């Protein structure tokens, strides 16, 4: 921690270097899991490879940036872990995994359809099973990409504001 404070590196660089290893790790793990599923289950998971890979990149970026936002917002590790658990639980329970969206009230269902987990899982299902074209699902991809970009920019702004100097320099007094 001490060396981070004495180096002449901008704080935005630390945000980017936090994002990249996590993002690359998640993408590599997801591709390995899908590749093994493709090989051992003999299901053609990569019929629509371009749409699938773009979705994997956007989803991994979104959830990585969301985790970074939670980590930056809370000052303690315990608070960040609890918030991550709560956020993950909310995403899971407000998706098709537990309760079908069709069984919910129409107003609530229309809001929950924009849950990033729901967007990503529905698009992944369409991509893998129905070979959906990228152009057909560009709105969903733009929503995920836009949300990722907005959260990333907010993290950068929060980091800059948090690390600004608290003490303003004293102006020199004019001697008479």
C-alpha atoms as a PDB file:
ATOM      1  CA  UNK A   1       0.000   0.000   0.000  1.00  0.00           C
ATOM      2  CA  UNK A   2       2.821   2.415   0.858  1.00  0.00           C
ATOM      3  CA  UNK A   3       4.466   2.095  -2.529  1.00  0.00           C
ATOM      4  CA  UNK A   4       1.137   2.923  -4.214  1.00  0.00           C
ATOM      5  CA  UNK A   5       1.120   6.267  -2.437  1.00  0.00           C
ATOM      6  CA  UNK A   6       4.685   7.263  -3.275  1.00  0.00           C
ATOM      7  CA  UNK A   7       4.683   6.350  -6.966  1.00  0.00           C
ATOM      8  CA  UNK A   8       3.841   9.066  -9.476  1.00  0.00           C
ATOM      9  CA  UNK A   9       1.080   6.958 -11.017  1.00  0.00           C
ATOM     10  CA  UNK A  10      -2.431   8.254 -11.490  1.00  0.00           C
ATOM     11  CA  UNK A  11      -5.173   6.516  -9.540  1.00  0.00           C
ATOM     12  CA  UNK A  12      -7.088   5.803 -12.764  1.00  0.00           C
ATOM     13  CA  UNK A  13      -4.246   3.477 -13.765  1.00  0.00           C
ATOM     14  CA  UNK A  14      -4.862   1.391 -10.638  1.00  0.00           C
ATOM     15  CA  UNK A  15      -8.548   1.093 -11.555  1.00  0.00           C
ATOM     16  CA  UNK A  16      -7.656  -0.181 -15.020  1.00  0.00           C
ATOM     17  CA  UNK A  17      -5.034  -2.587 -13.657  1.00  0.00           C
ATOM     18  CA  UNK A  18      -7.615  -3.933 -11.222  1.00  0.00           C
ATOM     19  CA  UNK A  19     -10.095  -4.493 -14.042  1.00  0.00           C
ATOM     20  CA  UNK A  20      -7.855  -6.202 -16.613  1.00  0.00           C
ATOM     21  CA  UNK A  21      -6.612  -9.284 -14.675  1.00  0.00           C
ATOM     22  CA  UNK A  22     -10.072 -10.014 -13.281  1.00  0.00           C
ATOM     23  CA  UNK A  23     -11.693  -9.580 -16.682  1.00  0.00           C
ATOM     24  CA  UNK A  24      -9.142 -11.748 -18.477  1.00  0.00           C
ATOM     25  CA  UNK A  25      -9.395 -14.455 -15.820  1.00  0.00           C
ATOM     26  CA  UNK A  26     -13.190 -14.617 -16.018  1.00  0.00           C
ATOM     27  CA  UNK A  27     -13.202 -14.688 -19.815  1.00  0.00           C
ATOM     28  CA  UNK A  28     -10.586 -17.453 -19.975  1.00  0.00           C
ATOM     29  CA  UNK A  29     -12.443 -19.537 -17.371  1.00  0.00           C
ATOM     30  CA  UNK A  30     -15.750 -19.125 -19.200  1.00  0.00           C
ATOM     31  CA  UNK A  31     -14.251 -20.079 -22.552  1.00  0.00           C
ATOM     32  CA  UNK A  32     -12.576 -23.150 -21.009  1.00  0.00           C
ATOM     33  CA  UNK A  33     -15.849 -24.239 -19.377  1.00  0.00           C
ATOM     34  CA  UNK A  34     -17.804 -23.770 -22.613  1.00  0.00           C
ATOM     35  CA  UNK A  35     -15.075 -25.562 -24.578  1.00  0.00           C
ATOM     36  CA  UNK A  36     -15.113 -28.535 -22.205  1.00  0.00           C
ATOM     37  CA  UNK A  37     -18.906 -28.639 -22.317  1.00  0.00           C
ATOM     38  CA  UNK A  38     -18.733 -28.539 -26.102  1.00  0.00           C
ATOM     39  CA  UNK A  39     -16.171 -31.367 -26.207  1.00  0.00           C
ATOM     40  CA  UNK A  40     -17.604 -33.750 -23.604  1.00  0.00           C
ATOM     41  CA  UNK A  41     -21.330 -33.211 -24.189  1.00  0.00           C
ATOM     42  CA  UNK A  42     -21.004 -33.117 -27.983  1.00  0.00           C
ATOM     43  CA  UNK A  43     -23.381 -30.163 -28.104  1.00  0.00           C
ATOM     44  CA  UNK A  44     -22.458 -27.560 -30.723  1.00  0.00           C
ATOM     45  CA  UNK A  45     -22.174 -24.621 -28.323  1.00  0.00           C
ATOM     46  CA  UNK A  46     -20.175 -22.524 -30.747  1.00  0.00           C
ATOM     47  CA  UNK A  47     -22.557 -22.510 -33.711  1.00  0.00           C
ATOM     48  CA  UNK A  48     -22.920 -18.782 -33.201  1.00  0.00           C
ATOM     49  CA  UNK A  49     -19.435 -18.060 -31.901  1.00  0.00           C
ATOM     50  CA  UNK A  50     -19.297 -14.315 -32.591  1.00  0.00           C
ATOM     51  CA  UNK A  51     -22.466 -13.482 -30.679  1.00  0.00           C
ATOM     52  CA  UNK A  52     -21.507 -15.866 -27.865  1.00  0.00           C
ATOM     53  CA  UNK A  53     -18.023 -14.386 -27.459  1.00  0.00           C
ATOM     54  CA  UNK A  54     -19.275 -10.793 -27.564  1.00  0.00           C
ATOM     55  CA  UNK A  55     -21.849 -11.655 -24.926  1.00  0.00           C
ATOM     56  CA  UNK A  56     -19.226 -13.356 -22.765  1.00  0.00           C
ATOM     57  CA  UNK A  57     -16.958 -10.301 -23.034  1.00  0.00           C
ATOM     58  CA  UNK A  58     -19.731  -7.840 -22.180  1.00  0.00           C
ATOM     59  CA  UNK A  59     -21.121  -9.935 -19.327  1.00  0.00           C
ATOM     60  CA  UNK A  60     -17.686 -10.540 -17.824  1.00  0.00           C
ATOM     61  CA  UNK A  61     -16.901  -6.834 -18.129  1.00  0.00           C
ATOM     62  CA  UNK A  62     -20.204  -5.830 -16.523  1.00  0.00           C
ATOM     63  CA  UNK A  63     -19.932  -8.118 -13.519  1.00  0.00           C
ATOM     64  CA  UNK A  64     -16.224  -7.328 -13.056  1.00  0.00           C
ATOM     65  CA  UNK A  65     -16.951  -3.604 -13.054  1.00  0.00           C
ATOM     66  CA  UNK A  66     -19.927  -4.129 -10.740  1.00  0.00           C
ATOM     67  CA  UNK A  67     -17.688  -6.008  -8.302  1.00  0.00           C
ATOM     68  CA  UNK A  68     -15.123  -3.220  -8.491  1.00  0.00           C
ATOM     69  CA  UNK A  69     -17.858  -0.672  -7.754  1.00  0.00           C
ATOM     70  CA  UNK A  70     -18.965  -2.616  -4.687  1.00  0.00           C
ATOM     71  CA  UNK A  71     -15.355  -2.924  -3.554  1.00  0.00           C
ATOM     72  CA  UNK A  72     -14.716   0.802  -4.014  1.00  0.00           C
ATOM     73  CA  UNK A  73     -17.949   1.861  -2.332  1.00  0.00           C
ATOM     74  CA  UNK A  74     -17.385  -0.014   0.929  1.00  0.00           C
ATOM     75  CA  UNK A  75     -14.426   0.782   3.141  1.00  0.00           C
ATOM     76  CA  UNK A  76     -14.120  -2.627   4.805  1.00  0.00           C
ATOM     77  CA  UNK A  77     -13.654  -6.019   3.246  1.00  0.00           C
ATOM     78  CA  UNK A  78     -16.499  -7.461   5.318  1.00  0.00           C
ATOM     79  CA  UNK A  79     -18.924  -4.807   4.077  1.00  0.00           C
ATOM     80  CA  UNK A  80     -17.936  -5.414   0.461  1.00  0.00           C
ATOM     81  CA  UNK A  81     -18.361  -9.179   0.839  1.00  0.00           C
ATOM     82  CA  UNK A  82     -21.803  -8.795   2.428  1.00  0.00           C
ATOM     83  CA  UNK A  83     -22.897  -6.333  -0.261  1.00  0.00           C
ATOM     84  CA  UNK A  84     -21.657  -8.703  -2.973  1.00  0.00           C
ATOM     85  CA  UNK A  85     -23.598 -11.589  -1.465  1.00  0.00           C
ATOM     86  CA  UNK A  86     -26.757  -9.490  -1.212  1.00  0.00           C
ATOM     87  CA  UNK A  87     -26.365  -8.140  -4.749  1.00  0.00           C
ATOM     88  CA  UNK A  88     -25.745 -11.619  -6.161  1.00  0.00           C
ATOM     89  CA  UNK A  89     -28.745 -12.989  -4.286  1.00  0.00           C
ATOM     90  CA  UNK A  90     -30.979 -10.213  -5.581  1.00  0.00           C
ATOM     91  CA  UNK A  91     -29.823 -10.834  -9.148  1.00  0.00           C
ATOM     92  CA  UNK A  92     -30.398 -14.561  -8.740  1.00  0.00           C
ATOM     93  CA  UNK A  93     -33.841 -14.352  -7.119  1.00  0.00           C
ATOM     94  CA  UNK A  94     -35.036 -11.712  -9.582  1.00  0.00           C
ATOM     95  CA  UNK A  95     -34.274 -13.850 -12.598  1.00  0.00           C
ATOM     96  CA  UNK A  96     -35.773 -16.841 -14.359  1.00  0.00           C
ATOM     97  CA  UNK A  97     -33.684 -19.149 -12.183  1.00  0.00           C
ATOM     98  CA  UNK A  98     -35.987 -19.171  -9.134  1.00  0.00           C
ATOM     99  CA  UNK A  99     -39.284 -17.598 -10.213  1.00  0.00           C
ATOM    100  CA  UNK A 100     -40.387 -17.441 -13.858  1.00  0.00           C
ATOM    101  CA  UNK A 101     -40.732 -13.838 -14.996  1.00  0.00           C
ATOM    102  CA  UNK A 102     -44.077 -14.637 -16.572  1.00  0.00           C
ATOM    103  CA  UNK A 103     -45.565 -15.453 -13.147  1.00  0.00           C
ATOM    104  CA  UNK A 104     -44.709 -12.029 -11.714  1.00  0.00           C
ATOM    105  CA  UNK A 105     -46.881  -8.952 -11.873  1.00  0.00           C
ATOM    106  CA  UNK A 106     -46.570  -7.289 -15.302  1.00  0.00           C
ATOM    107  CA  UNK A 107     -45.109  -4.054 -13.903  1.00  0.00           C
ATOM    108  CA  UNK A 108     -42.497  -5.880 -11.828  1.00  0.00           C
ATOM    109  CA  UNK A 109     -41.746  -8.310 -14.656  1.00  0.00           C
ATOM    110  CA  UNK A 110     -41.064  -5.477 -17.097  1.00  0.00           C
ATOM    111  CA  UNK A 111     -38.566  -3.946 -14.678  1.00  0.00           C
ATOM    112  CA  UNK A 112     -36.864  -7.251 -13.862  1.00  0.00           C
ATOM    113  CA  UNK A 113     -36.361  -7.990 -17.567  1.00  0.00           C
ATOM    114  CA  UNK A 114     -33.556  -5.393 -17.455  1.00  0.00           C
ATOM    115  CA  UNK A 115     -31.732  -7.269 -14.702  1.00  0.00           C
ATOM    116  CA  UNK A 116     -28.224  -7.786 -16.176  1.00  0.00           C
ATOM    117  CA  UNK A 117     -28.283 -11.448 -15.198  1.00  0.00           C
ATOM    118  CA  UNK A 118     -31.599 -11.942 -17.013  1.00  0.00           C
ATOM    119  CA  UNK A 119     -30.363 -10.053 -20.082  1.00  0.00           C
ATOM    120  CA  UNK A 120     -27.165 -12.089 -20.277  1.00  0.00           C
ATOM    121  CA  UNK A 121     -28.747 -15.478 -19.622  1.00  0.00           C
ATOM    122  CA  UNK A 122     -31.567 -14.923 -22.120  1.00  0.00           C
ATOM    123  CA  UNK A 123     -29.166 -13.757 -24.799  1.00  0.00           C
ATOM    124  CA  UNK A 124     -26.787 -16.641 -24.116  1.00  0.00           C
ATOM    125  CA  UNK A 125     -29.693 -19.085 -24.419  1.00  0.00           C
ATOM    126  CA  UNK A 126     -30.773 -17.488 -27.710  1.00  0.00           C
ATOM    127  CA  UNK A 127     -27.215 -17.466 -28.997  1.00  0.00           C
ATOM    128  CA  UNK A 128     -26.391 -21.063 -28.104  1.00  0.00           C
ATOM    129  CA  UNK A 129     -29.712 -22.719 -28.880  1.00  0.00           C
ATOM    130  CA  UNK A 130     -31.313 -20.605 -31.580  1.00  0.00           C
ATOM    131  CA  UNK A 131     -28.246 -19.066 -33.304  1.00  0.00           C
ATOM    132  CA  UNK A 132     -29.493 -15.522 -32.853  1.00  0.00           C
ATOM    133  CA  UNK A 133     -27.824 -12.880 -34.984  1.00  0.00           C
ATOM    134  CA  UNK A 134     -25.896 -10.041 -33.317  1.00  0.00           C
ATOM    135  CA  UNK A 135     -27.963  -7.436 -35.111  1.00  0.00           C
ATOM    136  CA  UNK A 136     -31.174  -8.923 -33.731  1.00  0.00           C
ATOM    137  CA  UNK A 137     -29.907  -8.563 -30.164  1.00  0.00           C
ATOM    138  CA  UNK A 138     -27.970  -5.322 -30.480  1.00  0.00           C
ATOM    139  CA  UNK A 139     -30.249  -3.520 -27.983  1.00  0.00           C
ATOM    140  CA  UNK A 140     -29.455  -6.071 -25.269  1.00  0.00           C
ATOM    141  CA  UNK A 141     -25.742  -5.857 -26.051  1.00  0.00           C
ATOM    142  CA  UNK A 142     -25.898  -2.048 -25.996  1.00  0.00           C
ATOM    143  CA  UNK A 143     -27.665  -2.084 -22.622  1.00  0.00           C
ATOM    144  CA  UNK A 144     -24.996  -4.358 -21.119  1.00  0.00           C
ATOM    145  CA  UNK A 145     -22.151  -2.379 -22.713  1.00  0.00           C
ATOM    146  CA  UNK A 146     -23.639   0.978 -21.755  1.00  0.00           C
ATOM    147  CA  UNK A 147     -24.211  -0.085 -18.151  1.00  0.00           C
ATOM    148  CA  UNK A 148     -20.634  -1.368 -18.002  1.00  0.00           C
ATOM    149  CA  UNK A 149     -19.273   1.904 -19.337  1.00  0.00           C
ATOM    150  CA  UNK A 150     -21.383   4.035 -16.984  1.00  0.00           C
ATOM    151  CA  UNK A 151     -20.315   2.051 -13.916  1.00  0.00           C
ATOM    152  CA  UNK A 152     -16.663   2.154 -15.005  1.00  0.00           C
ATOM    153  CA  UNK A 153     -16.794   5.943 -15.463  1.00  0.00           C
ATOM    154  CA  UNK A 154     -18.461   6.320 -12.059  1.00  0.00           C
ATOM    155  CA  UNK A 155     -15.663   4.263 -10.497  1.00  0.00           C
ATOM    156  CA  UNK A 156     -13.058   6.509 -12.138  1.00  0.00           C
ATOM    157  CA  UNK A 157     -14.849   9.652 -10.911  1.00  0.00           C
ATOM    158  CA  UNK A 158     -15.238   8.205  -7.407  1.00  0.00           C
ATOM    159  CA  UNK A 159     -11.552   7.282  -7.323  1.00  0.00           C
ATOM    160  CA  UNK A 160     -10.458  10.755  -8.420  1.00  0.00           C
ATOM    161  CA  UNK A 161     -12.729  12.485  -5.907  1.00  0.00           C
ATOM    162  CA  UNK A 162     -11.715  10.136  -3.095  1.00  0.00           C
ATOM    163  CA  UNK A 163      -7.999  10.676  -3.706  1.00  0.00           C
ATOM    164  CA  UNK A 164      -7.994  14.444  -4.124  1.00  0.00           C
ATOM    165  CA  UNK A 165      -5.885  16.377  -1.710  1.00  0.00           C
ATOM    166  CA  UNK A 166      -7.924  17.360   1.306  1.00  0.00           C
ATOM    167  CA  UNK A 167      -5.744  20.266   2.337  1.00  0.00           C
ATOM    168  CA  UNK A 168      -5.682  23.286   0.116  1.00  0.00           C
ATOM    169  CA  UNK A 169      -2.391  25.168  -0.152  1.00  0.00           C
ATOM    170  CA  UNK A 170      -2.138  28.324   1.921  1.00  0.00           C
ATOM    171  CA  UNK A 171      -1.709  31.461  -0.131  1.00  0.00           C
ATOM    172  CA  UNK A 172       1.287  33.555   0.696  1.00  0.00           C
ATOM    173  CA  UNK A 173       0.488  36.654   2.662  1.00  0.00           C
ATOM    174  CA  UNK A 174       1.703  39.938   1.315  1.00  0.00           C
ATOM    175  CA  UNK A 175       4.206  41.581   3.653  1.00  0.00           C
ATOM    176  CA  UNK A 176       4.038  45.274   4.051  1.00  0.00           C
END
